[in-house]
Amino acid sequence: MVSFEVIGAWCGTIAAFIATLSFLPQAYQAWRTNSVRDLSWLWISMFCVSNALWVVYGLAFNLLPIITANTIILVCMLCIVYIKIKTELVR
């Protein structure tokens, strides 16, 4: 019989993988079109802070799927921040 911990670990790994994959097309689109005009600074900052906190949580409990997924998403978000700053300075 499979333990609850093993099922939980697999669910967490799959969820982290899907969350990361779902964010990559948006980051790629923003990078390709150089447009993030419709994204608010409030959403961007809240999303960055939440992902950074998830990384800290993952580090605290040694949860590699949480650490990996949220670090990748955070890097993508920082690319979006860069594009947003760059395009807003041009205006």
N, C-alpha and C. Protein backbone atom coordinates (compact mmCIF):
# COMPACT_ATOMS: atom_id res chain seq x y z
N MET A 1 0.85 -1.18 0.00
CA MET A 1 0.00 0.00 0.00
C MET A 1 0.89 1.25 0.00
N VAL A 2 0.49 2.24 -0.78
CA VAL A 2 1.25 3.48 -0.89
C VAL A 2 0.87 4.40 0.27
N SER A 3 1.87 4.97 0.90
CA SER A 3 1.61 5.83 2.05
C SER A 3 1.07 7.20 1.63
N PHE A 4 0.43 7.84 2.56
CA PHE A 4 -0.12 9.17 2.33
C PHE A 4 0.99 10.17 2.00
N GLU A 5 2.16 10.01 2.61
CA GLU A 5 3.29 10.90 2.35
C GLU A 5 3.77 10.78 0.91
N VAL A 6 3.81 9.55 0.39
CA VAL A 6 4.25 9.34 -0.99
C VAL A 6 3.23 9.96 -1.96
N ILE A 7 1.96 9.74 -1.71
CA ILE A 7 0.91 10.33 -2.55
C ILE A 7 1.00 11.85 -2.49
N GLY A 8 1.18 12.40 -1.30
CA GLY A 8 1.31 13.85 -1.14
C GLY A 8 2.52 14.40 -1.87
N ALA A 9 3.63 13.69 -1.80
CA ALA A 9 4.85 14.13 -2.48
C ALA A 9 4.64 14.14 -4.00
N TRP A 10 4.00 13.11 -4.51
CA TRP A 10 3.73 13.07 -5.96
C TRP A 10 2.76 14.17 -6.37
N CYS A 11 1.72 14.39 -5.57
CA CYS A 11 0.76 15.47 -5.87
C CYS A 11 1.46 16.83 -5.88
N GLY A 12 2.33 17.06 -4.91
CA GLY A 12 3.07 18.32 -4.84
C GLY A 12 4.00 18.50 -6.03
N THR A 13 4.66 17.43 -6.42
CA THR A 13 5.58 17.49 -7.56
C THR A 13 4.82 17.77 -8.84
N ILE A 14 3.72 17.07 -9.06
CA ILE A 14 2.91 17.28 -10.27
C ILE A 14 2.32 18.69 -10.28
N ALA A 15 1.81 19.15 -9.14
CA ALA A 15 1.24 20.50 -9.06
C ALA A 15 2.30 21.56 -9.35
N ALA A 16 3.48 21.39 -8.81
CA ALA A 16 4.57 22.34 -9.04
C ALA A 16 4.96 22.36 -10.51
N PHE A 17 5.02 21.19 -11.14
CA PHE A 17 5.36 21.08 -12.55
C PHE A 17 4.32 21.77 -13.42
N ILE A 18 3.04 21.52 -13.14
CA ILE A 18 1.96 22.13 -13.92
C ILE A 18 1.93 23.65 -13.72
N ALA A 19 2.12 24.11 -12.49
CA ALA A 19 2.13 25.55 -12.22
C ALA A 19 3.26 26.24 -12.99
N THR A 20 4.41 25.61 -13.00
CA THR A 20 5.54 26.19 -13.73
C THR A 20 5.28 26.20 -15.22
N LEU A 21 4.81 25.09 -15.75
CA LEU A 21 4.52 25.02 -17.18
C LEU A 21 3.44 26.02 -17.60
N SER A 22 2.46 26.23 -16.75
CA SER A 22 1.37 27.14 -17.11
C SER A 22 1.84 28.60 -17.17
N PHE A 23 2.89 28.91 -16.46
CA PHE A 23 3.38 30.29 -16.44
C PHE A 23 4.36 30.59 -17.57
N LEU A 24 5.06 29.60 -18.05
CA LEU A 24 6.08 29.81 -19.07
C LEU A 24 5.55 30.44 -20.37
N PRO A 25 4.39 30.03 -20.90
CA PRO A 25 3.91 30.69 -22.13
C PRO A 25 3.66 32.19 -21.94
N GLN A 26 3.16 32.58 -20.78
CA GLN A 26 2.92 34.01 -20.52
C GLN A 26 4.23 34.78 -20.49
N ALA A 27 5.22 34.22 -19.83
CA ALA A 27 6.52 34.88 -19.76
C ALA A 27 7.15 34.96 -21.15
N TYR A 28 7.03 33.89 -21.93
CA TYR A 28 7.57 33.89 -23.29
C TYR A 28 6.87 34.92 -24.15
N GLN A 29 5.55 34.99 -24.04
CA GLN A 29 4.76 35.97 -24.82
C GLN A 29 5.17 37.39 -24.45
N ALA A 30 5.34 37.66 -23.19
CA ALA A 30 5.76 38.99 -22.75
C ALA A 30 7.14 39.33 -23.31
N TRP A 31 8.04 38.37 -23.27
CA TRP A 31 9.39 38.59 -23.77
C TRP A 31 9.39 38.80 -25.28
N ARG A 32 8.60 37.98 -25.99
CA ARG A 32 8.56 38.04 -27.45
C ARG A 32 7.92 39.33 -27.95
N THR A 33 6.80 39.73 -27.33
CA THR A 33 6.07 40.93 -27.79
C THR A 33 6.57 42.20 -27.13
N ASN A 34 7.35 42.05 -26.07
CA ASN A 34 7.83 43.20 -25.31
C ASN A 34 6.67 44.04 -24.77
N SER A 35 5.59 43.35 -24.39
CA SER A 35 4.40 44.05 -23.92
C SER A 35 3.84 43.40 -22.65
N VAL A 36 3.79 44.16 -21.60
CA VAL A 36 3.15 43.73 -20.34
C VAL A 36 2.29 44.87 -19.80
N ARG A 37 1.84 45.71 -20.69
CA ARG A 37 1.08 46.90 -20.33
C ARG A 37 -0.15 46.58 -19.47
N ASP A 38 -0.82 45.47 -19.75
CA ASP A 38 -2.05 45.15 -19.04
C ASP A 38 -1.83 44.54 -17.66
N LEU A 39 -0.60 44.26 -17.30
CA LEU A 39 -0.31 43.69 -15.99
C LEU A 39 -0.08 44.81 -14.98
N SER A 40 -0.81 44.77 -13.88
CA SER A 40 -0.69 45.84 -12.89
C SER A 40 0.53 45.60 -12.01
N TRP A 41 1.09 46.71 -11.52
CA TRP A 41 2.22 46.61 -10.60
C TRP A 41 1.81 45.92 -9.30
N LEU A 42 0.56 46.10 -8.89
CA LEU A 42 0.09 45.45 -7.66
C LEU A 42 0.13 43.93 -7.84
N TRP A 43 -0.40 43.44 -8.95
CA TRP A 43 -0.40 41.99 -9.19
C TRP A 43 1.03 41.48 -9.30
N ILE A 44 1.86 42.18 -10.05
CA ILE A 44 3.25 41.74 -10.23
C ILE A 44 3.96 41.66 -8.89
N SER A 45 3.83 42.69 -8.06
CA SER A 45 4.54 42.70 -6.78
C SER A 45 3.99 41.62 -5.84
N MET A 46 2.67 41.45 -5.81
CA MET A 46 2.09 40.42 -4.94
C MET A 46 2.52 39.02 -5.39
N PHE A 47 2.56 38.80 -6.69
CA PHE A 47 2.95 37.49 -7.22
C PHE A 47 4.42 37.21 -6.93
N CYS A 48 5.27 38.22 -7.09
CA CYS A 48 6.70 38.04 -6.79
C CYS A 48 6.93 37.74 -5.32
N VAL A 49 6.27 38.49 -4.45
CA VAL A 49 6.42 38.26 -3.01
C VAL A 49 5.92 36.87 -2.63
N SER A 50 4.76 36.47 -3.18
CA SER A 50 4.23 35.15 -2.82
C SER A 50 5.16 34.04 -3.29
N ASN A 51 5.73 34.18 -4.49
CA ASN A 51 6.65 33.15 -4.97
C ASN A 51 7.94 33.13 -4.15
N ALA A 52 8.43 34.28 -3.77
CA ALA A 52 9.62 34.33 -2.92
C ALA A 52 9.34 33.66 -1.57
N LEU A 53 8.16 33.89 -1.03
CA LEU A 53 7.79 33.25 0.24
C LEU A 53 7.65 31.73 0.08
N TRP A 54 7.12 31.29 -1.05
CA TRP A 54 7.05 29.85 -1.31
C TRP A 54 8.45 29.24 -1.38
N VAL A 55 9.39 29.95 -1.96
CA VAL A 55 10.78 29.45 -2.02
C VAL A 55 11.33 29.31 -0.60
N VAL A 56 11.12 30.33 0.22
CA VAL A 56 11.58 30.27 1.62
C VAL A 56 10.92 29.09 2.34
N TYR A 57 9.63 28.91 2.13
CA TYR A 57 8.90 27.79 2.74
C TYR A 57 9.50 26.45 2.29
N GLY A 58 9.74 26.34 0.99
CA GLY A 58 10.34 25.12 0.47
C GLY A 58 11.71 24.85 1.05
N LEU A 59 12.51 25.92 1.19
CA LEU A 59 13.83 25.77 1.80
C LEU A 59 13.72 25.36 3.27
N ALA A 60 12.77 25.94 3.97
CA ALA A 60 12.61 25.64 5.40
C ALA A 60 12.26 24.17 5.64
N PHE A 61 11.46 23.61 4.72
CA PHE A 61 11.01 22.23 4.89
C PHE A 61 11.65 21.26 3.89
N ASN A 62 12.68 21.75 3.16
CA ASN A 62 13.41 20.93 2.20
C ASN A 62 12.48 20.26 1.19
N LEU A 63 11.63 21.08 0.57
CA LEU A 63 10.66 20.59 -0.42
C LEU A 63 11.12 21.00 -1.81
N LEU A 64 11.87 20.12 -2.45
CA LEU A 64 12.48 20.44 -3.74
C LEU A 64 11.47 20.86 -4.82
N PRO A 65 10.31 20.21 -4.95
CA PRO A 65 9.36 20.67 -5.98
C PRO A 65 8.90 22.11 -5.76
N ILE A 66 8.66 22.49 -4.52
CA ILE A 66 8.24 23.85 -4.20
C ILE A 66 9.36 24.83 -4.50
N ILE A 67 10.57 24.48 -4.11
CA ILE A 67 11.72 25.35 -4.34
C ILE A 67 11.94 25.55 -5.84
N THR A 68 11.97 24.46 -6.58
CA THR A 68 12.26 24.51 -8.01
C THR A 68 11.19 25.28 -8.78
N ALA A 69 9.94 24.90 -8.60
CA ALA A 69 8.85 25.54 -9.35
C ALA A 69 8.77 27.03 -9.07
N ASN A 70 8.83 27.40 -7.83
CA ASN A 70 8.67 28.81 -7.49
C ASN A 70 9.89 29.64 -7.84
N THR A 71 11.07 29.04 -7.85
CA THR A 71 12.25 29.76 -8.30
C THR A 71 12.16 30.03 -9.80
N ILE A 72 11.74 29.04 -10.57
CA ILE A 72 11.58 29.24 -12.01
C ILE A 72 10.54 30.32 -12.30
N ILE A 73 9.42 30.25 -11.61
CA ILE A 73 8.37 31.25 -11.81
C ILE A 73 8.87 32.63 -11.39
N LEU A 74 9.60 32.72 -10.30
CA LEU A 74 10.13 33.99 -9.83
C LEU A 74 11.10 34.59 -10.85
N VAL A 75 11.94 33.77 -11.46
CA VAL A 75 12.86 34.26 -12.50
C VAL A 75 12.06 34.79 -13.69
N CYS A 76 11.01 34.07 -14.08
CA CYS A 76 10.15 34.54 -15.17
C CYS A 76 9.49 35.86 -14.81
N MET A 77 9.04 35.98 -13.57
CA MET A 77 8.42 37.23 -13.12
C MET A 77 9.42 38.37 -13.14
N LEU A 78 10.65 38.12 -12.78
CA LEU A 78 11.66 39.17 -12.82
C LEU A 78 11.93 39.62 -14.25
N CYS A 79 11.82 38.71 -15.20
CA CYS A 79 11.91 39.10 -16.62
C CYS A 79 10.74 40.01 -16.99
N ILE A 80 9.56 39.69 -16.50
CA ILE A 80 8.38 40.52 -16.76
C ILE A 80 8.55 41.90 -16.11
N VAL A 81 9.10 41.94 -14.91
CA VAL A 81 9.37 43.22 -14.24
C VAL A 81 10.34 44.05 -15.09
N TYR A 82 11.37 43.42 -15.59
CA TYR A 82 12.34 44.11 -16.44
C TYR A 82 11.65 44.70 -17.67
N ILE A 83 10.82 43.90 -18.34
CA ILE A 83 10.11 44.38 -19.53
C ILE A 83 9.17 45.53 -19.16
N LYS A 84 8.47 45.40 -18.06
CA LYS A 84 7.52 46.44 -17.63
C LYS A 84 8.28 47.75 -17.35
N ILE A 85 9.38 47.67 -16.65
CA ILE A 85 10.16 48.88 -16.36
C ILE A 85 10.68 49.49 -17.66
N LYS A 86 11.23 48.65 -18.52
CA LYS A 86 11.80 49.11 -19.78
C LYS A 86 10.74 49.79 -20.66
N THR A 87 9.57 49.18 -20.77
CA THR A 87 8.53 49.76 -21.64
C THR A 87 7.88 50.99 -21.02
N GLU A 88 7.79 51.06 -19.69
CA GLU A 88 7.19 52.23 -19.07
C GLU A 88 8.13 53.42 -19.08
N LEU A 89 9.43 53.17 -19.09
CA LEU A 89 10.39 54.28 -19.19
C LEU A 89 10.39 54.91 -20.57
N VAL A 90 10.05 54.10 -21.57
CA VAL A 90 10.01 54.59 -22.96
C VAL A 90 8.83 55.52 -23.17
N ARG A 91 7.73 55.26 -22.46
CA ARG A 91 6.51 56.09 -22.62
C ARG A 91 6.79 57.46 -22.25
